[in-house]
Amino acid sequence: MSKVWIGLFRGINVGGNNKLPMKDLTRLMLAAGLSDVKTYIASGNVLFRSDLDDAALEALIGDLVETNFGFRPSVFLITLSHLEKVLAENPFRDHAHKGKAQHVFFFKAPPSKIDRDLLDSLKDDSEAYEISDELMYLYAPEGIGRSKMAEKIGRAIKADMTARNLNTVETLQDMAMELS
């Protein structure tokens, strides 16, 4: 049986840039031979089945979007088992504030630079974070929109990354479990 994949697009349908209608993406992915394609909210989350490996899938999806929409997105491909591990290892899973107060920043590759001093100088007293080679967990109970640290994260961490709030990550896990 083919593997269930979760694809996270970076910078899709935000701020008027990189328009990617999810219905069109679903149609294109099905036509390209991927199966059980489902999307979740317009910010670029897609689940599907395929026998291809991650490198082949990344190239295929990138080519589909570039050919049909004129830009090549950064796509992060994650398996259900990896997503389950991310949730199980969340250091803030027992905090009272969940959902949109917690974010996971997925890295495509280990960061080339992490400036913890900058992160710590921007961090509000109520905020916390943990970083590994694969991702960063951010706890921001006052909201990510108010977080100076979240605003400048690209300066402090040099990595190709995309973020999702805990509500989205948990929903993607549920959707992937339904496909498996």
Protein backbone atom coordinates (compact mmCIF):
# COMPACT_ATOMS: atom_id res chain seq x y z
CA MET A 1 0.00 0.00 0.00
CA SER A 2 1.26 3.46 -0.82
CA LYS A 3 2.55 5.80 1.87
CA VAL A 4 0.54 8.72 3.29
CA TRP A 5 2.32 12.06 2.91
CA ILE A 6 1.60 15.48 4.38
CA GLY A 7 2.81 18.37 2.23
CA LEU A 8 3.31 21.80 3.77
CA PHE A 9 3.79 24.69 1.36
CA ARG A 10 5.65 27.79 2.52
CA GLY A 11 4.25 31.23 1.69
CA ILE A 12 1.14 30.14 -0.21
CA ASN A 13 -1.94 32.40 -0.48
CA VAL A 14 -0.68 34.91 2.09
CA GLY A 15 -0.29 38.63 1.52
CA GLY A 16 -1.51 38.37 -2.07
CA ASN A 17 1.55 36.37 -3.13
CA ASN A 18 1.88 32.94 -4.71
CA LYS A 19 -1.78 32.24 -5.38
CA LEU A 20 -2.43 28.52 -5.38
CA PRO A 21 -6.10 27.50 -5.42
CA MET A 22 -6.41 24.28 -3.44
CA LYS A 23 -9.09 22.85 -5.78
CA ASP A 24 -6.73 23.29 -8.74
CA LEU A 25 -3.83 21.78 -6.79
CA THR A 26 -5.96 18.75 -5.90
CA ARG A 27 -6.99 18.25 -9.53
CA LEU A 28 -3.39 18.53 -10.79
CA MET A 29 -2.02 16.14 -8.17
CA LEU A 30 -4.68 13.55 -8.94
CA ALA A 31 -3.98 13.88 -12.68
CA ALA A 32 -0.25 13.35 -11.94
CA GLY A 33 -1.02 9.97 -10.34
CA LEU A 34 -1.12 10.84 -6.66
CA SER A 35 -4.13 9.40 -4.84
CA ASP A 36 -6.51 10.35 -2.03
CA VAL A 37 -5.51 14.02 -2.33
CA LYS A 38 -7.07 16.22 0.35
CA THR A 39 -6.29 19.81 1.25
CA TYR A 40 -6.75 21.66 4.52
CA ILE A 41 -7.24 25.44 4.64
CA ALA A 42 -5.89 27.68 1.91
CA SER A 43 -2.44 28.24 3.43
CA GLY A 44 -0.98 25.21 1.69
CA ASN A 45 -1.56 21.92 3.48
CA VAL A 46 -2.14 18.81 1.38
CA LEU A 47 -2.38 15.12 2.21
CA PHE A 48 -2.06 12.33 -0.33
CA ARG A 49 -0.84 8.80 -1.03
CA SER A 50 2.09 7.86 -3.23
CA ASP A 51 4.72 5.17 -3.75
CA LEU A 52 7.28 7.81 -4.79
CA ASP A 53 10.03 8.91 -2.39
CA ASP A 54 10.22 12.41 -0.94
CA ALA A 55 12.74 13.76 -3.48
CA ALA A 56 10.65 12.58 -6.45
CA LEU A 57 7.47 13.95 -4.87
CA GLU A 58 9.06 17.30 -4.12
CA ALA A 59 10.20 17.60 -7.74
CA LEU A 60 6.81 16.48 -9.10
CA ILE A 61 4.78 18.87 -6.95
CA GLY A 62 7.21 21.74 -7.59
CA ASP A 63 7.00 21.15 -11.35
CA LEU A 64 3.17 20.97 -11.27
CA VAL A 65 2.89 24.29 -9.45
CA GLU A 66 5.58 26.03 -11.49
CA THR A 67 4.10 24.89 -14.82
CA ASN A 68 0.52 25.80 -13.89
CA PHE A 69 0.91 28.82 -11.59
CA GLY A 70 4.25 30.38 -12.51
CA PHE A 71 6.20 29.97 -9.27
CA ARG A 72 8.09 27.16 -7.59
CA PRO A 73 7.02 26.70 -3.97
CA SER A 74 9.06 25.37 -1.13
CA VAL A 75 7.32 22.09 -0.16
CA PHE A 76 7.98 20.25 3.09
CA LEU A 77 7.02 16.57 2.93
CA ILE A 78 6.30 14.79 6.20
CA THR A 79 5.14 11.27 6.99
CA LEU A 80 2.44 10.47 9.52
CA SER A 81 4.97 8.78 11.81
CA HIS A 82 7.14 11.91 11.77
CA LEU A 83 4.14 14.11 12.54
CA GLU A 84 3.18 11.81 15.43
CA LYS A 85 6.74 12.10 16.78
CA VAL A 86 6.59 15.91 16.50
CA LEU A 87 3.39 16.00 18.55
CA ALA A 88 4.58 13.44 21.10
CA GLU A 89 7.83 15.35 21.69
CA ASN A 90 6.18 18.77 21.97
CA PRO A 91 7.74 20.21 25.14
CA PHE A 92 4.71 22.48 25.63
CA ARG A 93 1.97 19.85 25.19
CA ASP A 94 0.98 20.11 28.86
CA HIS A 95 0.73 23.92 28.88
CA ALA A 96 -2.70 25.46 29.47
CA HIS A 97 -2.53 27.54 26.28
CA LYS A 98 -2.60 25.32 23.22
CA GLY A 99 -3.95 25.71 19.70
CA LYS A 100 -2.81 29.02 18.26
CA ALA A 101 -0.51 29.72 21.23
CA GLN A 102 1.83 26.96 20.08
CA HIS A 103 3.60 26.75 16.73
CA VAL A 104 5.87 24.25 15.07
CA PHE A 105 8.47 25.57 12.62
CA PHE A 106 9.52 22.72 10.31
CA PHE A 107 13.04 22.94 8.83
CA LYS A 108 13.85 21.47 5.42
CA ALA A 109 17.42 20.88 6.59
CA PRO A 110 19.27 21.66 9.82
CA PRO A 111 19.70 25.43 10.24
CA SER A 112 23.03 26.85 9.08
CA LYS A 113 22.84 29.36 11.94
CA ILE A 114 20.88 29.73 15.17
CA ASP A 115 21.35 32.99 17.07
CA ARG A 116 19.98 32.05 20.49
CA ASP A 117 21.14 35.36 21.97
CA LEU A 118 18.94 37.24 19.50
CA LEU A 119 15.99 34.90 20.17
CA ASP A 120 16.41 35.32 23.91
CA SER A 121 16.65 39.12 23.61
CA LEU A 122 13.36 39.22 21.65
CA LYS A 123 11.53 36.62 23.74
CA ASP A 124 8.70 37.89 25.95
CA ASP A 125 8.68 36.60 29.53
CA SER A 126 5.64 34.43 28.78
CA GLU A 127 7.21 32.84 25.68
CA ALA A 128 9.35 29.73 25.38
CA TYR A 129 11.01 27.80 22.57
CA GLU A 130 12.98 24.66 21.84
CA ILE A 131 15.03 24.02 18.72
CA SER A 132 16.40 20.83 17.18
CA ASP A 133 17.95 20.13 13.77
CA GLU A 134 14.46 19.33 12.41
CA LEU A 135 12.18 21.96 13.93
CA MET A 136 11.45 24.65 16.46
CA TYR A 137 8.61 24.59 18.96
CA LEU A 138 7.35 28.05 19.93
CA TYR A 139 5.05 28.76 22.84
CA ALA A 140 3.57 32.26 22.53
CA PRO A 141 0.49 32.54 24.79
CA GLU A 142 -0.04 36.23 23.92
CA GLY A 143 -0.29 35.28 20.23
CA ILE A 144 2.23 34.92 17.44
CA GLY A 145 1.11 38.24 15.95
CA ARG A 146 2.32 40.03 19.08
CA SER A 147 5.57 38.10 19.36
CA LYS A 148 8.71 40.08 18.58
CA MET A 149 10.62 36.80 18.51
CA ALA A 150 8.28 35.27 15.90
CA GLU A 151 8.49 38.44 13.82
CA LYS A 152 12.29 38.26 13.59
CA ILE A 153 12.73 34.49 13.53
CA GLY A 154 14.19 34.60 10.01
CA ARG A 155 17.06 36.75 11.29
CA ALA A 156 17.83 34.43 14.17
CA ILE A 157 17.47 31.10 12.38
CA LYS A 158 18.96 30.60 8.93
CA ALA A 159 16.92 27.75 7.50
CA ASP A 160 14.29 26.99 4.90
CA MET A 161 11.28 26.70 7.22
CA THR A 162 7.52 26.85 7.42
CA ALA A 163 5.32 27.12 10.50
CA ARG A 164 1.94 25.74 11.53
CA ASN A 165 0.00 26.29 14.73
CA LEU A 166 -0.77 23.34 16.96
CA ASN A 167 -4.44 23.23 15.89
CA THR A 168 -3.37 22.76 12.27
CA VAL A 169 -0.71 20.16 13.09
CA GLU A 170 -3.22 18.13 15.12
CA THR A 171 -5.84 18.37 12.36
CA LEU A 172 -3.30 17.23 9.76
CA GLN A 173 -2.44 14.26 11.98
CA ASP A 174 -6.12 13.33 12.25
CA MET A 175 -6.61 13.65 8.49
CA ALA A 176 -3.50 11.53 7.80
CA MET A 177 -4.68 8.85 10.23
CA GLU A 178 -7.97 8.65 8.31
CA LEU A 179 -5.99 8.01 5.10
CA SER A 180 -3.79 5.30 6.62
